[in-house]
Amino acid sequence: MKSSLCLRKQADLENQIMNGHGIAVATEWELAATRRRLVAYPQALNAVLQTARALRRTPDTVSVRDVTDFGGSN
């Protein structure tokens, strides 16, 4: 599922920016591209967010299996 991978990548990129790792401008461009990919899959993103809320976890820690077991979409 692209949404869960994109959410994980988004969290990693945000951490890189906040911790000063990597080239900030390139990381911000990659973060913006990742966010555009997330917007392209609203139903999948919603399924990940609902699963995360139900499991009381952050969205970037939710796996594809978690979403499918919870009954979300692919």
PDB file of N, CA and C in Angstrom:
ATOM      1  N   MET A   1       0.854  -1.171   0.000  1.00  0.00           N
ATOM      2  CA  MET A   1       0.000   0.000   0.000  1.00  0.00           C
ATOM      3  C   MET A   1       0.900   1.233   0.000  1.00  0.00           C
ATOM      4  N   LYS A   2       0.705   2.056  -0.991  1.00  0.00           N
ATOM      5  CA  LYS A   2       1.536   3.251  -1.137  1.00  0.00           C
ATOM      6  C   LYS A   2       1.373   4.240   0.011  1.00  0.00           C
ATOM      7  N   SER A   3       0.187   4.352   0.535  1.00  0.00           N
ATOM      8  CA  SER A   3      -0.066   5.355   1.577  1.00  0.00           C
ATOM      9  C   SER A   3       0.767   5.108   2.821  1.00  0.00           C
ATOM     10  N   SER A   4       0.825   3.871   3.281  1.00  0.00           N
ATOM     11  CA  SER A   4       1.596   3.597   4.492  1.00  0.00           C
ATOM     12  C   SER A   4       3.079   3.823   4.252  1.00  0.00           C
ATOM     13  N   LEU A   5       3.572   3.481   3.062  1.00  0.00           N
ATOM     14  CA  LEU A   5       4.974   3.731   2.736  1.00  0.00           C
ATOM     15  C   LEU A   5       5.256   5.226   2.652  1.00  0.00           C
ATOM     16  N   CYS A   6       4.346   5.976   2.049  1.00  0.00           N
ATOM     17  CA  CYS A   6       4.513   7.426   1.943  1.00  0.00           C
ATOM     18  C   CYS A   6       4.475   8.090   3.318  1.00  0.00           C
ATOM     19  N   LEU A   7       3.605   7.619   4.186  1.00  0.00           N
ATOM     20  CA  LEU A   7       3.533   8.187   5.538  1.00  0.00           C
ATOM     21  C   LEU A   7       4.830   7.926   6.300  1.00  0.00           C
ATOM     22  N   ARG A   8       5.382   6.717   6.133  1.00  0.00           N
ATOM     23  CA  ARG A   8       6.648   6.398   6.782  1.00  0.00           C
ATOM     24  C   ARG A   8       7.767   7.283   6.239  1.00  0.00           C
ATOM     25  N   LYS A   9       7.773   7.448   4.914  1.00  0.00           N
ATOM     26  CA  LYS A   9       8.794   8.287   4.283  1.00  0.00           C
ATOM     27  C   LYS A   9       8.646   9.736   4.738  1.00  0.00           C
ATOM     28  N   GLN A  10       7.400  10.219   4.810  1.00  0.00           N
ATOM     29  CA  GLN A  10       7.151  11.586   5.268  1.00  0.00           C
ATOM     30  C   GLN A  10       7.698  11.789   6.672  1.00  0.00           C
ATOM     31  N   ALA A  11       7.448  10.849   7.562  1.00  0.00           N
ATOM     32  CA  ALA A  11       7.948  10.958   8.936  1.00  0.00           C
ATOM     33  C   ALA A  11       9.474  10.967   8.960  1.00  0.00           C
ATOM     34  N   ASP A  12      10.091  10.112   8.146  1.00  0.00           N
ATOM     35  CA  ASP A  12      11.558  10.077   8.088  1.00  0.00           C
ATOM     36  C   ASP A  12      12.118  11.401   7.580  1.00  0.00           C
ATOM     37  N   LEU A  13      11.500  11.953   6.537  1.00  0.00           N
ATOM     38  CA  LEU A  13      11.978  13.220   5.980  1.00  0.00           C
ATOM     39  C   LEU A  13      11.790  14.366   6.971  1.00  0.00           C
ATOM     40  N   GLU A  14      10.660  14.387   7.663  1.00  0.00           N
ATOM     41  CA  GLU A  14      10.430  15.432   8.667  1.00  0.00           C
ATOM     42  C   GLU A  14      11.471  15.337   9.784  1.00  0.00           C
ATOM     43  N   ASN A  15      11.805  14.110  10.177  1.00  0.00           N
ATOM     44  CA  ASN A  15      12.834  13.931  11.210  1.00  0.00           C
ATOM     45  C   ASN A  15      14.194  14.403  10.715  1.00  0.00           C
ATOM     46  N   GLN A  16      14.514  14.130   9.458  1.00  0.00           N
ATOM     47  CA  GLN A  16      15.786  14.591   8.891  1.00  0.00           C
ATOM     48  C   GLN A  16      15.880  16.112   8.938  1.00  0.00           C
ATOM     49  N   ILE A  17      14.787  16.766   8.556  1.00  0.00           N
ATOM     50  CA  ILE A  17      14.773  18.232   8.552  1.00  0.00           C
ATOM     51  C   ILE A  17      14.914  18.757   9.978  1.00  0.00           C
ATOM     52  N   MET A  18      14.154  18.198  10.902  1.00  0.00           N
ATOM     53  CA  MET A  18      14.174  18.677  12.284  1.00  0.00           C
ATOM     54  C   MET A  18      15.522  18.424  12.957  1.00  0.00           C
ATOM     55  N   ASN A  19      16.185  17.321  12.595  1.00  0.00           N
ATOM     56  CA  ASN A  19      17.452  16.967  13.227  1.00  0.00           C
ATOM     57  C   ASN A  19      18.665  17.519  12.482  1.00  0.00           C
ATOM     58  N   GLY A  20      18.425  18.223  11.374  1.00  0.00           N
ATOM     59  CA  GLY A  20      19.516  18.832  10.635  1.00  0.00           C
ATOM     60  C   GLY A  20      20.350  17.863   9.824  1.00  0.00           C
ATOM     61  N   HIS A  21      19.814  16.681   9.532  1.00  0.00           N
ATOM     62  CA  HIS A  21      20.541  15.697   8.736  1.00  0.00           C
ATOM     63  C   HIS A  21      20.236  15.903   7.261  1.00  0.00           C
ATOM     64  N   GLY A  22      21.207  15.748   6.421  1.00  0.00           N
ATOM     65  CA  GLY A  22      21.004  15.856   4.985  1.00  0.00           C
ATOM     66  C   GLY A  22      20.929  17.300   4.532  1.00  0.00           C
ATOM     67  N   ILE A  23      20.703  17.459   3.264  1.00  0.00           N
ATOM     68  CA  ILE A  23      20.599  18.783   2.653  1.00  0.00           C
ATOM     69  C   ILE A  23      19.153  19.246   2.785  1.00  0.00           C
ATOM     70  N   ALA A  24      18.933  20.321   3.501  1.00  0.00           N
ATOM     71  CA  ALA A  24      17.580  20.770   3.845  1.00  0.00           C
ATOM     72  C   ALA A  24      16.717  21.031   2.616  1.00  0.00           C
ATOM     73  N   VAL A  25      17.237  21.718   1.622  1.00  0.00           N
ATOM     74  CA  VAL A  25      16.418  22.060   0.456  1.00  0.00           C
ATOM     75  C   VAL A  25      16.000  20.802  -0.293  1.00  0.00           C
ATOM     76  N   ALA A  26      16.934  19.890  -0.505  1.00  0.00           N
ATOM     77  CA  ALA A  26      16.606  18.643  -1.210  1.00  0.00           C
ATOM     78  C   ALA A  26      15.610  17.817  -0.406  1.00  0.00           C
ATOM     79  N   THR A  27      15.787  17.787   0.897  1.00  0.00           N
ATOM     80  CA  THR A  27      14.868  17.036   1.750  1.00  0.00           C
ATOM     81  C   THR A  27      13.475  17.646   1.721  1.00  0.00           C
ATOM     82  N   GLU A  28      13.394  18.966   1.733  1.00  0.00           N
ATOM     83  CA  GLU A  28      12.087  19.634   1.663  1.00  0.00           C
ATOM     84  C   GLU A  28      11.402  19.368   0.333  1.00  0.00           C
ATOM     85  N   TRP A  29      12.153  19.344  -0.755  1.00  0.00           N
ATOM     86  CA  TRP A  29      11.568  19.028  -2.069  1.00  0.00           C
ATOM     87  C   TRP A  29      11.039  17.597  -2.071  1.00  0.00           C
ATOM     88  N   GLU A  30      11.809  16.688  -1.516  1.00  0.00           N
ATOM     89  CA  GLU A  30      11.374  15.291  -1.455  1.00  0.00           C
ATOM     90  C   GLU A  30      10.147  15.145  -0.563  1.00  0.00           C
ATOM     91  N   LEU A  31      10.101  15.888   0.533  1.00  0.00           N
ATOM     92  CA  LEU A  31       8.941  15.879   1.428  1.00  0.00           C
ATOM     93  C   LEU A  31       7.699  16.389   0.697  1.00  0.00           C
ATOM     94  N   ALA A  32       7.839  17.455  -0.065  1.00  0.00           N
ATOM     95  CA  ALA A  32       6.706  17.997  -0.830  1.00  0.00           C
ATOM     96  C   ALA A  32       6.213  16.977  -1.855  1.00  0.00           C
ATOM     97  N   ALA A  33       7.135  16.286  -2.519  1.00  0.00           N
ATOM     98  CA  ALA A  33       6.746  15.266  -3.495  1.00  0.00           C
ATOM     99  C   ALA A  33       6.026  14.112  -2.813  1.00  0.00           C
ATOM    100  N   THR A  34       6.496  13.730  -1.646  1.00  0.00           N
ATOM    101  CA  THR A  34       5.854  12.650  -0.894  1.00  0.00           C
ATOM    102  C   THR A  34       4.436  13.050  -0.487  1.00  0.00           C
ATOM    103  N   ARG A  35       4.271  14.275  -0.058  1.00  0.00           N
ATOM    104  CA  ARG A  35       2.929  14.750   0.326  1.00  0.00           C
ATOM    105  C   ARG A  35       1.988  14.789  -0.882  1.00  0.00           C
ATOM    106  N   ARG A  36       2.506  15.144  -2.054  1.00  0.00           N
ATOM    107  CA  ARG A  36       1.663  15.119  -3.264  1.00  0.00           C
ATOM    108  C   ARG A  36       1.222  13.698  -3.582  1.00  0.00           C
ATOM    109  N   ARG A  37       2.098  12.728  -3.383  1.00  0.00           N
ATOM    110  CA  ARG A  37       1.719  11.326  -3.620  1.00  0.00           C
ATOM    111  C   ARG A  37       0.644  10.891  -2.626  1.00  0.00           C
ATOM    112  N   LEU A  38       0.734  11.336  -1.386  1.00  0.00           N
ATOM    113  CA  LEU A  38      -0.283  10.990  -0.391  1.00  0.00           C
ATOM    114  C   LEU A  38      -1.655  11.530  -0.782  1.00  0.00           C
ATOM    115  N   VAL A  39      -1.693  12.741  -1.287  1.00  0.00           N
ATOM    116  CA  VAL A  39      -2.952  13.372  -1.679  1.00  0.00           C
ATOM    117  C   VAL A  39      -3.595  12.626  -2.845  1.00  0.00           C
ATOM    118  N   ALA A  40      -2.786  11.952  -3.632  1.00  0.00           N
ATOM    119  CA  ALA A  40      -3.302  11.225  -4.801  1.00  0.00           C
ATOM    120  C   ALA A  40      -4.106   9.985  -4.416  1.00  0.00           C
ATOM    121  N   TYR A  41      -3.978   9.527  -3.174  1.00  0.00           N
ATOM    122  CA  TYR A  41      -4.670   8.317  -2.724  1.00  0.00           C
ATOM    123  C   TYR A  41      -5.487   8.597  -1.470  1.00  0.00           C
ATOM    124  N   PRO A  42      -6.539   9.413  -1.580  1.00  0.00           N
ATOM    125  CA  PRO A  42      -7.277   9.815  -0.378  1.00  0.00           C
ATOM    126  C   PRO A  42      -7.951   8.657   0.360  1.00  0.00           C
ATOM    127  N   GLN A  43      -8.481   7.672  -0.355  1.00  0.00           N
ATOM    128  CA  GLN A  43      -9.159   6.565   0.333  1.00  0.00           C
ATOM    129  C   GLN A  43      -8.169   5.696   1.090  1.00  0.00           C
ATOM    130  N   ALA A  44      -7.033   5.432   0.479  1.00  0.00           N
ATOM    131  CA  ALA A  44      -6.014   4.618   1.143  1.00  0.00           C
ATOM    132  C   ALA A  44      -5.443   5.363   2.343  1.00  0.00           C
ATOM    133  N   LEU A  45      -5.214   6.653   2.173  1.00  0.00           N
ATOM    134  CA  LEU A  45      -4.711   7.463   3.279  1.00  0.00           C
ATOM    135  C   LEU A  45      -5.707   7.454   4.434  1.00  0.00           C
ATOM    136  N   ASN A  46      -6.972   7.599   4.125  1.00  0.00           N
ATOM    137  CA  ASN A  46      -8.018   7.574   5.155  1.00  0.00           C
ATOM    138  C   ASN A  46      -8.040   6.221   5.872  1.00  0.00           C
ATOM    139  N   ALA A  47      -7.863   5.133   5.120  1.00  0.00           N
ATOM    140  CA  ALA A  47      -7.854   3.801   5.733  1.00  0.00           C
ATOM    141  C   ALA A  47      -6.682   3.667   6.706  1.00  0.00           C
ATOM    142  N   VAL A  48      -5.523   4.185   6.327  1.00  0.00           N
ATOM    143  CA  VAL A  48      -4.353   4.138   7.214  1.00  0.00           C
ATOM    144  C   VAL A  48      -4.598   4.974   8.465  1.00  0.00           C
ATOM    145  N   LEU A  49      -5.156   6.171   8.283  1.00  0.00           N
ATOM    146  CA  LEU A  49      -5.405   7.052   9.425  1.00  0.00           C
ATOM    147  C   LEU A  49      -6.436   6.451  10.382  1.00  0.00           C
ATOM    148  N   GLN A  50      -7.486   5.856   9.838  1.00  0.00           N
ATOM    149  CA  GLN A  50      -8.502   5.225  10.692  1.00  0.00           C
ATOM    150  C   GLN A  50      -7.921   4.034  11.453  1.00  0.00           C
ATOM    151  N   THR A  51      -7.094   3.250  10.770  1.00  0.00           N
ATOM    152  CA  THR A  51      -6.460   2.100  11.417  1.00  0.00           C
ATOM    153  C   THR A  51      -5.534   2.566  12.536  1.00  0.00           C
ATOM    154  N   ALA A  52      -4.748   3.590  12.252  1.00  0.00           N
ATOM    155  CA  ALA A  52      -3.839   4.117  13.266  1.00  0.00           C
ATOM    156  C   ALA A  52      -4.609   4.603  14.491  1.00  0.00           C
ATOM    157  N   ARG A  53      -5.695   5.297  14.251  1.00  0.00           N
ATOM    158  CA  ARG A  53      -6.513   5.801  15.356  1.00  0.00           C
ATOM    159  C   ARG A  53      -7.075   4.633  16.166  1.00  0.00           C
ATOM    160  N   ALA A  54      -7.575   3.606  15.484  1.00  0.00           N
ATOM    161  CA  ALA A  54      -8.161   2.460  16.179  1.00  0.00           C
ATOM    162  C   ALA A  54      -7.113   1.685  16.980  1.00  0.00           C
ATOM    163  N   LEU A  55      -5.893   1.617  16.441  1.00  0.00           N
ATOM    164  CA  LEU A  55      -4.824   0.879  17.111  1.00  0.00           C
ATOM    165  C   LEU A  55      -4.042   1.746  18.097  1.00  0.00           C
ATOM    166  N   ARG A  56      -4.413   3.036  18.138  1.00  0.00           N
ATOM    167  CA  ARG A  56      -3.733   4.005  19.011  1.00  0.00           C
ATOM    168  C   ARG A  56      -2.234   4.049  18.739  1.00  0.00           C
ATOM    169  N   ARG A  57      -1.926   4.168  17.434  1.00  0.00           N
ATOM    170  CA  ARG A  57      -0.540   4.267  16.990  1.00  0.00           C
ATOM    171  C   ARG A  57      -0.415   5.437  16.029  1.00  0.00           C
ATOM    172  N   THR A  58       0.802   5.837  15.760  1.00  0.00           N
ATOM    173  CA  THR A  58       1.008   6.897  14.771  1.00  0.00           C
ATOM    174  C   THR A  58       0.864   6.295  13.380  1.00  0.00           C
ATOM    175  N   PRO A  59       0.372   7.072  12.417  1.00  0.00           N
ATOM    176  CA  PRO A  59       0.143   6.541  11.072  1.00  0.00           C
ATOM    177  C   PRO A  59       1.391   5.950  10.408  1.00  0.00           C
ATOM    178  N   ASP A  60       2.564   6.489  10.700  1.00  0.00           N
ATOM    179  CA  ASP A  60       3.772   5.969  10.054  1.00  0.00           C
ATOM    180  C   ASP A  60       4.184   4.600  10.577  1.00  0.00           C
ATOM    181  N   THR A  61       3.567   4.119  11.663  1.00  0.00           N
ATOM    182  CA  THR A  61       3.890   2.790  12.193  1.00  0.00           C
ATOM    183  C   THR A  61       2.872   1.728  11.769  1.00  0.00           C
ATOM    184  N   VAL A  62       1.859   2.126  11.020  1.00  0.00           N
ATOM    185  CA  VAL A  62       0.824   1.198  10.579  1.00  0.00           C
ATOM    186  C   VAL A  62       1.299   0.487   9.309  1.00  0.00           C
ATOM    187  N   SER A  63       1.197  -0.822   9.312  1.00  0.00           N
ATOM    188  CA  SER A  63       1.623  -1.613   8.156  1.00  0.00           C
ATOM    189  C   SER A  63       0.428  -1.910   7.247  1.00  0.00           C
ATOM    190  N   VAL A  64       0.749  -2.417   6.079  1.00  0.00           N
ATOM    191  CA  VAL A  64      -0.302  -2.827   5.142  1.00  0.00           C
ATOM    192  C   VAL A  64      -1.151  -3.920   5.779  1.00  0.00           C
ATOM    193  N   ARG A  65      -0.506  -4.842   6.454  1.00  0.00           N
ATOM    194  CA  ARG A  65      -1.248  -5.924   7.121  1.00  0.00           C
ATOM    195  C   ARG A  65      -2.196  -5.365   8.176  1.00  0.00           C
ATOM    196  N   ASP A  66      -1.756  -4.357   8.930  1.00  0.00           N
ATOM    197  CA  ASP A  66      -2.628  -3.736   9.933  1.00  0.00           C
ATOM    198  C   ASP A  66      -3.899  -3.198   9.286  1.00  0.00           C
ATOM    199  N   VAL A  67      -3.733  -2.512   8.158  1.00  0.00           N
ATOM    200  CA  VAL A  67      -4.879  -1.907   7.479  1.00  0.00           C
ATOM    201  C   VAL A  67      -5.820  -2.981   6.944  1.00  0.00           C
ATOM    202  N   THR A  68      -5.260  -3.999   6.294  1.00  0.00           N
ATOM    203  CA  THR A  68      -6.126  -5.055   5.739  1.00  0.00           C
ATOM    204  C   THR A  68      -6.797  -5.861   6.843  1.00  0.00           C
ATOM    205  N   ASP A  69      -6.075  -6.118   7.952  1.00  0.00           N
ATOM    206  CA  ASP A  69      -6.691  -6.839   9.073  1.00  0.00           C
ATOM    207  C   ASP A  69      -7.801  -6.020   9.720  1.00  0.00           C
ATOM    208  N   PHE A  70      -7.628  -4.706   9.743  1.00  0.00           N
ATOM    209  CA  PHE A  70      -8.628  -3.824  10.324  1.00  0.00           C
ATOM    210  C   PHE A  70      -9.842  -3.669   9.407  1.00  0.00           C
ATOM    211  N   GLY A  71      -9.674  -3.979   8.120  1.00  0.00           N
ATOM    212  CA  GLY A  71     -10.779  -3.892   7.175  1.00  0.00           C
ATOM    213  C   GLY A  71     -10.726  -2.703   6.273  1.00  0.00           C
ATOM    214  N   GLY A  72      -9.563  -2.040   6.197  1.00  0.00           N
ATOM    215  CA  GLY A  72      -9.393  -0.882   5.327  1.00  0.00           C
ATOM    216  C   GLY A  72      -9.190  -1.293   3.887  1.00  0.00           C
ATOM    217  N   SER A  73      -9.109  -0.287   3.026  1.00  0.00           N
ATOM    218  CA  SER A  73      -8.950  -0.540   1.597  1.00  0.00           C
ATOM    219  C   SER A  73      -7.483  -0.615   1.226  1.00  0.00           C
ATOM    220  N   ASN A  74      -7.223  -1.161   0.057  1.00  0.00           N
ATOM    221  CA  ASN A  74      -5.875  -1.208  -0.493  1.00  0.00           C
ATOM    222  C   ASN A  74      -5.653  -0.129  -1.475  1.00  0.00           C
TER     223      ASN A  74
END
